[in-house]
């Protein structure tokens, strides 16, 4: 293995790169930002460091789409300004329609450590969102309030009601037992902001899965009829994976005091790579979400990647009772013939366990859960790497296990009562997304050689389960604005 400044390690780095998920044009990507549907297009922004495949002072990259499948890359939207309130990064935020003008609210950062200041800045976009102008009055909010805030004062999320505009900020407390908080500000015009106190802090009886950490990031607030859902990205500073899980809280919003009261909680994704999601509500009143799919590599390997980090596929959120569920939007989950399709485009009825599964593919199986437990195992041609999925609706279990050179990891999502339907697995280089019964698992799996997968075990009889293997590097379009070789649109 090479050192930090040596030659690239002899590993299939290019094979790990996603092809049909959104990535930066080059180097590092992290949080999705500012998703919005504007004049017939979905616009999606994201944190990026164009200088290296590691985190650095973030800029805002920008892609757009008319169908959630074909993405076009645009010029970078925001970049740090020397000597400005965002000199050390244009961190996360959202985009809103302010009196007909697309307006980005984001975290401007200066300094580091105890000297870091996280302020709220904004920029206005051109009608096509291609060009952005920062507000000369930045910052709108110069830093964290006291005594409620810490140095963490980031990731503005705005919404409007009959009483005006409101802005949420992720933060945390000081002291011997630090915990996360969400702060709130209010404004009549989305320009002049007044601090409104603590929007939400964890009550003693709240036991969220995975824990609630010490700092909260990227708060997102959604309304489903009479219920409200608060989404929090949980930071656990001393953990091996400090940015490892996202919690949702279902509850009520008191619009007299603007305080959130939680009654239920859950994990938004049961894997270990999903973090910092951002949501929007589109023209069809759908709540759509993208998350950051983190890498999980040693630094000496990651530094040689051409692209590090990706965004998940879009997910549509629905609320069933007090359970927040994720599914693929209809654009990505259209009707399919029940055939097994090979990498060269030929097809034949029913599964063939010996048939290769491309490294960039969708595997789906219908009618799972109607005939008892089901298992799907895939092995890679490197002889070391494997994926195993199992669904057991009677035990309310959706399970994913990965085996790779770094070891074996297991992830389990709790299914709702009576779950059935379609299991969908997306393979895209090292990125793995699995869906079943309104639950999602996102992780990374790094084969040690260039090659393909094959189905090594499938039970029970897959022919009755409607197995479909669909290569995607020939059917979806990467976020470059250019059509992949031989690609065709998917509808």
Protein backbone atom coordinates (compact mmCIF):
# COMPACT_ATOMS: atom_id res chain seq x y z
CA UNK A 1 0.00 0.00 0.00
CA UNK A 2 1.34 3.40 -0.90
CA UNK A 3 1.89 6.21 1.56
CA UNK A 4 0.12 9.58 1.45
CA UNK A 5 2.32 10.87 -1.35
CA UNK A 6 3.05 7.61 -3.15
CA UNK A 7 1.60 6.07 -6.28
CA UNK A 8 -2.00 4.92 -6.38
CA UNK A 9 -2.55 1.58 -4.64
CA UNK A 10 -3.12 -1.43 -6.88
CA UNK A 11 -6.85 -1.50 -6.27
CA UNK A 12 -9.79 -1.11 -8.70
CA UNK A 13 -10.40 2.53 -7.75
CA UNK A 14 -12.25 3.36 -10.98
CA UNK A 15 -14.55 0.36 -10.47
CA UNK A 16 -15.66 1.78 -7.12
CA UNK A 17 -16.90 5.00 -8.72
CA UNK A 18 -20.71 5.35 -9.03
CA UNK A 19 -22.00 5.95 -12.55
CA UNK A 20 -25.70 6.69 -12.18
CA UNK A 21 -25.71 8.39 -8.78
CA UNK A 22 -24.92 12.09 -8.60
CA UNK A 23 -21.29 12.84 -7.82
CA UNK A 24 -19.09 15.89 -8.02
CA UNK A 25 -17.50 16.43 -11.39
CA UNK A 26 -14.22 15.62 -9.69
CA UNK A 27 -13.01 15.07 -6.12
CA UNK A 28 -15.10 15.48 -2.96
CA UNK A 29 -18.88 15.68 -2.41
CA UNK A 30 -20.86 15.67 0.84
CA UNK A 31 -24.23 17.15 1.89
CA UNK A 32 -27.05 17.69 -0.62
CA UNK A 33 -28.34 21.27 -0.41
CA UNK A 34 -31.28 23.31 -1.60
CA UNK A 35 -33.39 20.83 -3.61
CA UNK A 36 -36.19 22.73 -5.31
CA UNK A 37 -38.57 22.34 -8.25
CA UNK A 38 -38.35 25.57 -10.26
CA UNK A 39 -39.96 26.33 -13.65
CA UNK A 40 -40.33 22.69 -14.62
CA UNK A 41 -36.91 21.47 -13.44
CA UNK A 42 -35.62 19.83 -10.30
CA UNK A 43 -32.53 21.67 -9.10
CA UNK A 44 -30.19 20.02 -6.63
CA UNK A 45 -27.09 21.50 -5.03
CA UNK A 46 -24.38 19.86 -2.95
CA UNK A 47 -21.26 20.53 -0.92
CA UNK A 48 -18.07 19.92 -2.85
CA UNK A 49 -14.33 20.40 -2.53
CA UNK A 50 -13.03 20.71 -6.10
CA UNK A 51 -9.39 20.62 -4.94
CA UNK A 52 -9.09 17.09 -3.49
CA UNK A 53 -11.05 13.86 -2.77
CA UNK A 54 -11.26 14.80 0.93
CA UNK A 55 -13.30 17.32 2.85
CA UNK A 56 -12.22 20.94 2.41
CA UNK A 57 -13.80 24.41 2.52
CA UNK A 58 -17.04 23.67 0.69
CA UNK A 59 -18.47 25.17 -2.46
CA UNK A 60 -21.98 24.52 -3.83
CA UNK A 61 -22.14 22.29 -6.91
CA UNK A 62 -25.33 22.30 -9.00
CA UNK A 63 -27.22 19.83 -11.20
CA UNK A 64 -30.76 19.85 -12.57
CA UNK A 65 -33.27 17.45 -14.13
CA UNK A 66 -36.76 17.35 -15.58
CA UNK A 67 -37.39 13.70 -14.64
CA UNK A 68 -35.18 12.82 -11.61
CA UNK A 69 -33.17 10.51 -13.89
CA UNK A 70 -31.29 12.58 -16.46
CA UNK A 71 -29.17 15.22 -14.74
CA UNK A 72 -27.37 18.17 -16.27
CA UNK A 73 -24.38 19.76 -14.59
CA UNK A 74 -24.30 23.55 -14.18
CA UNK A 75 -21.60 26.04 -13.16
CA UNK A 76 -20.77 26.07 -9.48
CA UNK A 77 -23.36 28.12 -7.59
CA UNK A 78 -21.45 29.35 -4.52
CA UNK A 79 -17.79 29.56 -3.53
CA UNK A 80 -16.01 30.96 -0.46
CA UNK A 81 -15.15 34.65 -0.72
CA UNK A 82 -11.80 35.79 0.71
CA UNK A 83 -12.32 38.06 3.73
CA UNK A 84 -16.09 37.44 3.60
CA UNK A 85 -18.33 35.77 6.21
CA UNK A 86 -18.00 32.54 4.18
CA UNK A 87 -14.21 32.72 3.68
CA UNK A 88 -13.80 29.20 5.08
CA UNK A 89 -16.73 27.64 3.31
CA UNK A 90 -20.27 27.94 2.01
CA UNK A 91 -21.77 25.23 4.20
CA UNK A 92 -25.22 23.67 4.05
CA UNK A 93 -28.60 25.33 3.67
CA UNK A 94 -31.75 25.51 1.55
CA UNK A 95 -33.31 27.43 -1.35
CA UNK A 96 -36.68 29.16 -1.16
CA UNK A 97 -38.91 31.24 -3.42
CA UNK A 98 -38.84 34.71 -1.88
CA UNK A 99 -41.36 36.89 -3.73
CA UNK A 100 -40.58 35.16 -7.02
CA UNK A 101 -36.79 35.16 -6.59
CA UNK A 102 -34.87 31.93 -5.95
CA UNK A 103 -32.92 32.58 -2.75
CA UNK A 104 -30.27 30.39 -1.15
CA UNK A 105 -29.83 30.51 2.63
CA UNK A 106 -26.58 28.89 3.71
CA UNK A 107 -24.02 28.71 6.51
CA UNK A 108 -21.05 31.01 6.10
CA UNK A 109 -17.99 29.90 8.08
CA UNK A 110 -14.83 31.71 9.14
CA UNK A 111 -12.07 30.44 11.41
CA UNK A 112 -11.59 27.03 12.96
CA UNK A 113 -11.87 25.36 16.35
CA UNK A 114 -12.90 27.71 19.14
CA UNK A 115 -12.42 30.66 16.78
CA UNK A 116 -14.90 29.36 14.20
CA UNK A 117 -17.95 31.53 13.49
CA UNK A 118 -20.97 30.01 11.75
CA UNK A 119 -23.32 32.69 10.41
CA UNK A 120 -26.42 32.71 8.20
CA UNK A 121 -25.87 34.14 4.72
CA UNK A 122 -27.89 34.26 1.55
CA UNK A 123 -27.60 34.65 -2.21
CA UNK A 124 -30.16 35.27 -4.95
CA UNK A 125 -30.32 33.32 -8.19
CA UNK A 126 -31.02 34.22 -11.78
CA UNK A 127 -34.39 33.05 -13.21
CA UNK A 128 -32.76 29.82 -14.46
CA UNK A 129 -30.76 29.36 -11.21
CA UNK A 130 -27.52 29.32 -13.23
CA UNK A 131 -25.97 32.46 -11.67
CA UNK A 132 -25.96 33.50 -8.01
CA UNK A 133 -25.26 36.83 -6.32
CA UNK A 134 -24.43 37.02 -2.63
CA UNK A 135 -26.31 39.53 -0.49
CA UNK A 136 -24.04 42.51 0.29
CA UNK A 137 -25.70 42.60 3.72
CA UNK A 138 -24.34 39.19 4.70
CA UNK A 139 -24.37 37.81 7.26
CA UNK A 140 -28.08 38.04 8.06
CA UNK A 141 -27.44 36.38 11.43
CA UNK A 142 -23.84 36.93 12.54
CA UNK A 143 -23.42 33.91 14.80
CA UNK A 144 -24.82 31.71 17.51
CA UNK A 145 -27.02 33.22 20.21
CA UNK A 146 -26.11 32.92 23.87
CA UNK A 147 -26.74 31.21 26.19
CA UNK A 148 -28.72 28.71 24.07
CA UNK A 149 -26.18 28.17 21.28
CA UNK A 150 -22.75 26.63 20.94
CA UNK A 151 -20.26 27.18 18.15
CA UNK A 152 -22.49 24.87 16.11
CA UNK A 153 -24.96 27.18 14.38
CA UNK A 154 -25.52 25.76 10.94
CA UNK A 155 -27.71 24.47 8.14
CA UNK A 156 -30.66 26.91 7.86
CA UNK A 157 -34.03 25.44 6.92
CA UNK A 158 -36.88 27.88 6.14
CA UNK A 159 -40.65 27.61 5.93
CA UNK A 160 -43.48 30.10 5.77
CA UNK A 161 -46.93 30.20 7.36
CA UNK A 162 -49.57 32.85 8.08
CA UNK A 163 -47.33 34.43 10.73
CA UNK A 164 -44.33 34.93 8.45
CA UNK A 165 -41.03 33.16 7.79
CA UNK A 166 -39.30 30.81 10.21
CA UNK A 167 -35.76 29.45 10.15
CA UNK A 168 -34.36 26.38 11.92
CA UNK A 169 -30.70 25.96 12.85
CA UNK A 170 -28.85 22.86 14.04
CA UNK A 171 -26.92 23.35 17.27
CA UNK A 172 -26.04 21.78 20.62
CA UNK A 173 -25.47 22.64 24.26
CA UNK A 174 -22.41 23.15 26.39
CA UNK A 175 -21.76 21.61 29.79
CA UNK A 176 -21.05 18.20 31.32
CA UNK A 177 -23.88 16.47 29.44
CA UNK A 178 -24.01 18.12 26.00
CA UNK A 179 -26.91 17.34 23.70
CA UNK A 180 -28.28 18.51 20.40
CA UNK A 181 -30.78 21.32 19.98
CA UNK A 182 -32.66 22.99 17.15
CA UNK A 183 -32.94 26.77 17.35
CA UNK A 184 -35.57 28.92 15.63
CA UNK A 185 -35.62 32.45 14.19
CA UNK A 186 -38.57 34.45 12.85
CA UNK A 187 -38.90 37.12 10.16
CA UNK A 188 -41.69 39.03 8.41
CA UNK A 189 -39.67 39.38 5.20
CA UNK A 190 -37.02 36.59 5.24
CA UNK A 191 -34.38 39.29 5.67
CA UNK A 192 -34.50 40.66 9.22
CA UNK A 193 -34.39 37.78 11.71
CA UNK A 194 -35.29 37.66 15.41
CA UNK A 195 -34.09 34.84 17.62
CA UNK A 196 -37.00 32.77 18.94
CA UNK A 197 -35.31 30.32 21.31
CA UNK A 198 -35.03 26.55 21.36
CA UNK A 199 -37.38 24.96 18.84
CA UNK A 200 -36.64 21.43 20.10
CA UNK A 201 -34.43 19.79 22.70
CA UNK A 202 -34.57 16.09 23.63
CA UNK A 203 -36.95 15.32 26.52
CA UNK A 204 -35.65 12.74 29.05
CA UNK A 205 -38.11 10.10 27.87
CA UNK A 206 -37.04 10.25 24.22
CA UNK A 207 -35.02 7.18 23.21
CA UNK A 208 -34.23 7.52 19.54
CA UNK A 209 -32.63 4.56 17.74
CA UNK A 210 -28.89 4.96 17.41
CA UNK A 211 -28.83 7.66 20.08
CA UNK A 212 -29.09 11.43 19.82
CA UNK A 213 -25.41 12.37 20.01
CA UNK A 214 -24.07 15.77 21.07
CA UNK A 215 -24.76 18.00 18.06
CA UNK A 216 -27.55 18.08 15.51
CA UNK A 217 -27.10 19.05 11.89
CA UNK A 218 -29.27 19.65 8.82
CA UNK A 219 -32.70 19.96 10.49
CA UNK A 220 -35.53 19.38 8.01
CA UNK A 221 -39.21 19.93 8.86
CA UNK A 222 -42.13 18.37 6.96
CA UNK A 223 -45.88 18.50 7.43
CA UNK A 224 -48.15 15.53 6.72
CA UNK A 225 -51.73 16.71 7.26
CA UNK A 226 -51.93 17.25 11.05
CA UNK A 227 -48.57 15.64 11.88
CA UNK A 228 -45.11 17.14 11.65
CA UNK A 229 -41.82 15.34 11.10
CA UNK A 230 -38.45 16.73 12.19
CA UNK A 231 -35.39 15.08 10.58
CA UNK A 232 -32.02 15.39 12.35
CA UNK A 233 -28.54 14.30 11.34
CA UNK A 234 -26.82 13.10 14.50
CA UNK A 235 -23.19 13.91 15.22
CA UNK A 236 -21.41 11.67 17.74
CA UNK A 237 -17.92 13.21 17.99
CA UNK A 238 -16.07 10.28 19.62
CA UNK A 239 -17.62 7.46 17.57
CA UNK A 240 -15.72 5.48 14.93
CA UNK A 241 -18.21 6.85 12.38
CA UNK A 242 -19.19 10.19 13.94
CA UNK A 243 -21.57 11.03 11.06
CA UNK A 244 -23.38 7.73 10.98
CA UNK A 245 -27.15 8.04 11.31
CA UNK A 246 -30.23 10.17 10.74
CA UNK A 247 -33.22 10.21 13.10
CA UNK A 248 -36.76 11.31 12.36
CA UNK A 249 -39.16 12.53 15.03
CA UNK A 250 -42.93 12.56 14.58
CA UNK A 251 -44.94 15.01 16.63
CA UNK A 252 -46.80 18.29 16.83
CA UNK A 253 -45.83 21.88 16.17
CA UNK A 254 -47.18 24.52 18.56
CA UNK A 255 -47.56 27.57 16.32
CA UNK A 256 -48.16 29.86 19.30
CA UNK A 257 -44.71 29.23 20.77
CA UNK A 258 -43.01 27.56 17.76
CA UNK A 259 -41.93 24.59 19.81
CA UNK A 260 -41.87 21.02 18.49
CA UNK A 261 -43.13 18.15 20.65
CA UNK A 262 -42.07 14.64 19.63
CA UNK A 263 -44.10 11.49 20.30
CA UNK A 264 -42.30 8.90 18.14
CA UNK A 265 -38.91 8.38 16.55
CA UNK A 266 -37.13 6.14 14.08
CA UNK A 267 -34.10 5.72 11.84
CA UNK A 268 -34.44 7.19 8.38
CA UNK A 269 -31.92 4.70 6.97
CA UNK A 270 -30.57 1.56 8.65
CA UNK A 271 -27.16 1.56 6.94
CA UNK A 272 -23.91 3.27 7.88
CA UNK A 273 -23.26 5.52 4.88
CA UNK A 274 -26.39 7.73 4.84
CA UNK A 275 -26.15 11.24 6.31
CA UNK A 276 -27.23 14.89 6.01
CA UNK A 277 -30.38 14.47 3.89
CA UNK A 278 -32.20 17.43 2.34
CA UNK A 279 -35.87 17.48 1.35
CA UNK A 280 -38.17 19.40 -0.95
CA UNK A 281 -41.86 19.30 -1.78
CA UNK A 282 -42.44 19.21 -5.53
CA UNK A 283 -45.30 20.24 -7.82
CA UNK A 284 -47.05 16.93 -7.12
CA UNK A 285 -46.99 17.61 -3.34
CA UNK A 286 -44.44 14.81 -2.92
CA UNK A 287 -41.82 15.07 -0.20
CA UNK A 288 -38.57 14.11 -1.98
CA UNK A 289 -35.28 13.49 -0.20
CA UNK A 290 -31.62 13.01 -1.14
CA UNK A 291 -28.87 11.96 1.27
CA UNK A 292 -25.09 11.89 1.24
CA UNK A 293 -23.63 8.41 0.70
CA UNK A 294 -20.28 8.60 2.48
CA UNK A 295 -17.16 6.70 1.57
CA UNK A 296 -15.71 4.21 4.06
CA UNK A 297 -12.07 3.92 3.05
CA UNK A 298 -8.71 4.43 4.76
CA UNK A 299 -7.26 7.87 3.95
CA UNK A 300 -4.39 6.35 1.98
CA UNK A 301 -6.92 4.82 -0.42
CA UNK A 302 -9.47 7.62 -0.53
CA UNK A 303 -6.86 10.21 -1.52
CA UNK A 304 -6.45 8.40 -4.85
CA UNK A 305 -10.15 8.38 -5.78
CA UNK A 306 -11.19 10.43 -8.78
CA UNK A 307 -14.54 11.07 -7.10
CA UNK A 308 -15.28 10.69 -3.39
CA UNK A 309 -18.85 10.71 -2.10
CA UNK A 310 -22.18 10.53 -3.90
CA UNK A 311 -25.82 11.42 -3.40
CA UNK A 312 -28.42 8.71 -2.92
CA UNK A 313 -31.19 8.20 -5.41
CA UNK A 314 -34.20 10.41 -4.69
CA UNK A 315 -36.62 8.99 -2.14
CA UNK A 316 -40.26 9.82 -1.65
CA UNK A 317 -41.28 10.12 2.00
CA UNK A 318 -44.72 9.15 3.30
CA UNK A 319 -46.08 8.94 6.84
CA UNK A 320 -47.93 5.79 7.90
CA UNK A 321 -49.20 6.29 11.44
CA UNK A 322 -46.08 7.46 13.25
CA UNK A 323 -43.71 5.71 10.86
CA UNK A 324 -41.82 7.66 8.19
CA UNK A 325 -41.39 5.47 5.11
CA UNK A 326 -39.09 5.77 2.10
CA UNK A 327 -39.82 4.52 -1.38
CA UNK A 328 -38.58 5.25 -4.87
CA UNK A 329 -40.55 7.89 -6.78
CA UNK A 330 -42.51 6.62 -9.75
CA UNK A 331 -39.91 7.93 -12.20
CA UNK A 332 -37.43 5.35 -10.86
CA UNK A 333 -39.87 2.53 -10.12
CA UNK A 334 -41.78 2.19 -13.38
CA UNK A 335 -43.31 -1.04 -14.63
CA UNK A 336 -40.87 -3.83 -15.53
CA UNK A 337 -41.18 -7.11 -17.35
CA UNK A 338 -40.49 -10.14 -15.19
CA UNK A 339 -37.34 -11.21 -16.95
CA UNK A 340 -33.73 -11.63 -16.03
CA UNK A 341 -31.66 -9.31 -18.19
CA UNK A 342 -28.00 -9.88 -18.88
CA UNK A 343 -25.31 -7.27 -19.18
CA UNK A 344 -25.35 -7.46 -22.98
CA UNK A 345 -29.05 -6.61 -23.17
CA UNK A 346 -30.36 -10.09 -23.96
CA UNK A 347 -33.01 -11.58 -21.72
CA UNK A 348 -34.72 -14.80 -20.87
CA UNK A 349 -37.55 -15.71 -18.51
CA UNK A 350 -36.74 -16.52 -14.91
CA UNK A 351 -33.50 -16.29 -12.92
CA UNK A 352 -30.24 -17.99 -13.64
CA UNK A 353 -27.97 -18.16 -10.57
CA UNK A 354 -24.89 -18.40 -12.79
CA UNK A 355 -25.73 -15.26 -14.73
CA UNK A 356 -23.43 -12.28 -14.06
CA UNK A 357 -24.84 -9.22 -12.37
CA UNK A 358 -23.12 -6.02 -13.57
CA UNK A 359 -21.33 -3.77 -11.11
CA UNK A 360 -23.83 -1.02 -12.00
CA UNK A 361 -27.29 -2.54 -11.89
CA UNK A 362 -30.73 -2.75 -10.33
CA UNK A 363 -32.01 -6.07 -8.99
CA UNK A 364 -35.67 -6.30 -8.06
CA UNK A 365 -37.88 -9.13 -6.87
CA UNK A 366 -41.63 -8.82 -6.48
CA UNK A 367 -44.13 -10.67 -4.26
CA UNK A 368 -41.67 -11.05 -1.41
CA UNK A 369 -43.32 -11.48 1.96
CA UNK A 370 -46.33 -13.36 0.62
CA UNK A 371 -44.71 -16.81 0.87
CA UNK A 372 -42.48 -16.56 3.92
CA UNK A 373 -38.83 -15.55 4.32
CA UNK A 374 -36.70 -14.88 1.25
CA UNK A 375 -32.93 -14.57 0.80
CA UNK A 376 -30.74 -13.20 -1.95
CA UNK A 377 -26.96 -13.71 -1.88
CA UNK A 378 -24.52 -12.17 -4.36
CA UNK A 379 -20.84 -12.98 -4.68
CA UNK A 380 -18.20 -10.97 -6.51
CA UNK A 381 -15.69 -12.40 -8.93
CA UNK A 382 -12.86 -11.19 -6.67
CA UNK A 383 -13.63 -14.18 -4.45
CA UNK A 384 -13.65 -12.00 -1.30
CA UNK A 385 -16.67 -9.76 -1.50
CA UNK A 386 -20.33 -10.73 -0.98
CA UNK A 387 -23.74 -9.22 -0.26
CA UNK A 388 -26.60 -11.03 1.45
CA UNK A 389 -30.14 -9.69 1.77
CA UNK A 390 -32.97 -11.34 3.64
CA UNK A 391 -36.59 -10.41 4.19
CA UNK A 392 -38.72 -11.99 6.93
CA UNK A 393 -42.00 -10.08 7.27
CA UNK A 394 -43.26 -12.38 10.05
CA UNK A 395 -40.28 -11.31 12.16
CA UNK A 396 -40.48 -7.77 10.75
CA UNK A 397 -36.86 -8.01 9.62
CA UNK A 398 -35.07 -6.61 6.57
CA UNK A 399 -31.43 -7.57 6.80
CA UNK A 400 -28.30 -6.74 4.77
CA UNK A 401 -24.87 -8.25 5.36
CA UNK A 402 -21.67 -7.26 3.55
CA UNK A 403 -18.44 -9.21 3.46
CA UNK A 404 -15.35 -7.48 2.18
CA UNK A 405 -11.64 -7.26 2.91
CA UNK A 406 -12.24 -4.89 5.83
CA UNK A 407 -14.56 -7.39 7.52
CA UNK A 408 -18.22 -8.37 7.80
CA UNK A 409 -20.93 -5.87 8.67
CA UNK A 410 -24.63 -6.36 9.28
CA UNK A 411 -27.53 -3.94 9.10
CA UNK A 412 -31.14 -4.58 10.05
CA UNK A 413 -34.26 -2.49 9.49
CA UNK A 414 -37.48 -3.12 11.38
CA UNK A 415 -40.39 -3.62 9.00
CA UNK A 416 -43.96 -2.46 9.60
CA UNK A 417 -46.62 -5.06 10.34
CA UNK A 418 -47.86 -6.74 7.17
CA UNK A 419 -44.97 -5.53 4.99
CA UNK A 420 -44.75 -7.10 1.56
CA UNK A 421 -44.00 -6.02 -1.97
CA UNK A 422 -40.80 -5.54 -3.91
CA UNK A 423 -37.21 -5.83 -2.82
CA UNK A 424 -34.98 -3.48 -4.81
CA UNK A 425 -31.19 -3.48 -4.66
CA UNK A 426 -29.07 -0.87 -6.42
CA UNK A 427 -25.41 -1.60 -7.09
CA UNK A 428 -23.35 1.29 -8.40
CA UNK A 429 -19.65 0.60 -8.06
CA UNK A 430 -19.07 0.60 -4.30
CA UNK A 431 -22.43 2.18 -3.47
CA UNK A 432 -25.25 -0.09 -2.27
CA UNK A 433 -28.87 1.00 -1.72
CA UNK A 434 -31.55 -1.52 -0.73
CA UNK A 435 -35.30 -0.91 -0.30
CA UNK A 436 -38.15 -3.00 1.05
CA UNK A 437 -41.41 -2.30 2.83
CA UNK A 438 -40.86 1.44 3.18
CA UNK A 439 -37.38 0.97 4.69
CA UNK A 440 -33.94 1.72 3.24
CA UNK A 441 -30.39 0.56 3.89
CA UNK A 442 -27.41 2.43 2.40
CA UNK A 443 -23.81 1.27 2.71
CA UNK A 444 -20.53 0.89 0.84
CA UNK A 445 -18.93 -2.33 -0.37
CA UNK A 446 -15.52 -2.29 -2.10
CA UNK A 447 -14.59 -5.31 -4.28
CA UNK A 448 -10.87 -5.90 -4.47
CA UNK A 449 -10.77 -6.47 -8.22
CA UNK A 450 -12.55 -5.28 -11.33
CA UNK A 451 -15.33 -7.69 -12.21
CA UNK A 452 -19.00 -8.44 -11.73
CA UNK A 453 -21.36 -10.04 -9.27
CA UNK A 454 -23.37 -13.22 -9.61
CA UNK A 455 -26.30 -14.65 -7.70
CA UNK A 456 -24.82 -17.35 -5.50
CA UNK A 457 -27.99 -18.18 -3.58
CA UNK A 458 -31.66 -17.33 -3.92
CA UNK A 459 -34.52 -18.85 -1.98
CA UNK A 460 -37.25 -19.83 -2.28
CA UNK A 461 -38.02 -20.30 -6.00
CA UNK A 462 -37.21 -16.96 -7.58
CA UNK A 463 -39.20 -17.63 -10.74
CA UNK A 464 -42.35 -16.98 -8.74
CA UNK A 465 -40.85 -13.86 -7.27
CA UNK A 466 -40.48 -11.90 -10.50
CA UNK A 467 -36.73 -11.39 -10.45
CA UNK A 468 -35.40 -8.62 -12.70
CA UNK A 469 -31.74 -7.76 -13.26
CA UNK A 470 -31.34 -4.49 -15.11
CA UNK A 471 -27.94 -3.04 -16.08
CA UNK A 472 -28.01 0.67 -15.39
CA UNK A 473 -24.73 1.98 -16.77
CA UNK A 474 -26.32 1.62 -20.22
CA UNK A 475 -29.71 3.05 -19.31
CA UNK A 476 -29.25 5.92 -16.89
CA UNK A 477 -27.31 9.10 -17.47
CA UNK A 478 -24.63 10.34 -15.13
CA UNK A 479 -24.79 13.92 -13.87
CA UNK A 480 -22.44 15.35 -16.47
CA UNK A 481 -24.91 16.73 -18.96
CA UNK A 482 -23.65 14.22 -21.51
CA UNK A 483 -25.27 10.96 -22.50
CA UNK A 484 -23.40 7.86 -21.46
CA UNK A 485 -22.18 5.57 -24.25
CA UNK A 486 -25.16 3.77 -25.76
CA UNK A 487 -27.56 5.18 -23.18
CA UNK A 488 -31.30 5.44 -23.57
CA UNK A 489 -33.74 7.33 -21.38
CA UNK A 490 -35.65 5.37 -18.76
CA UNK A 491 -39.27 6.33 -18.21
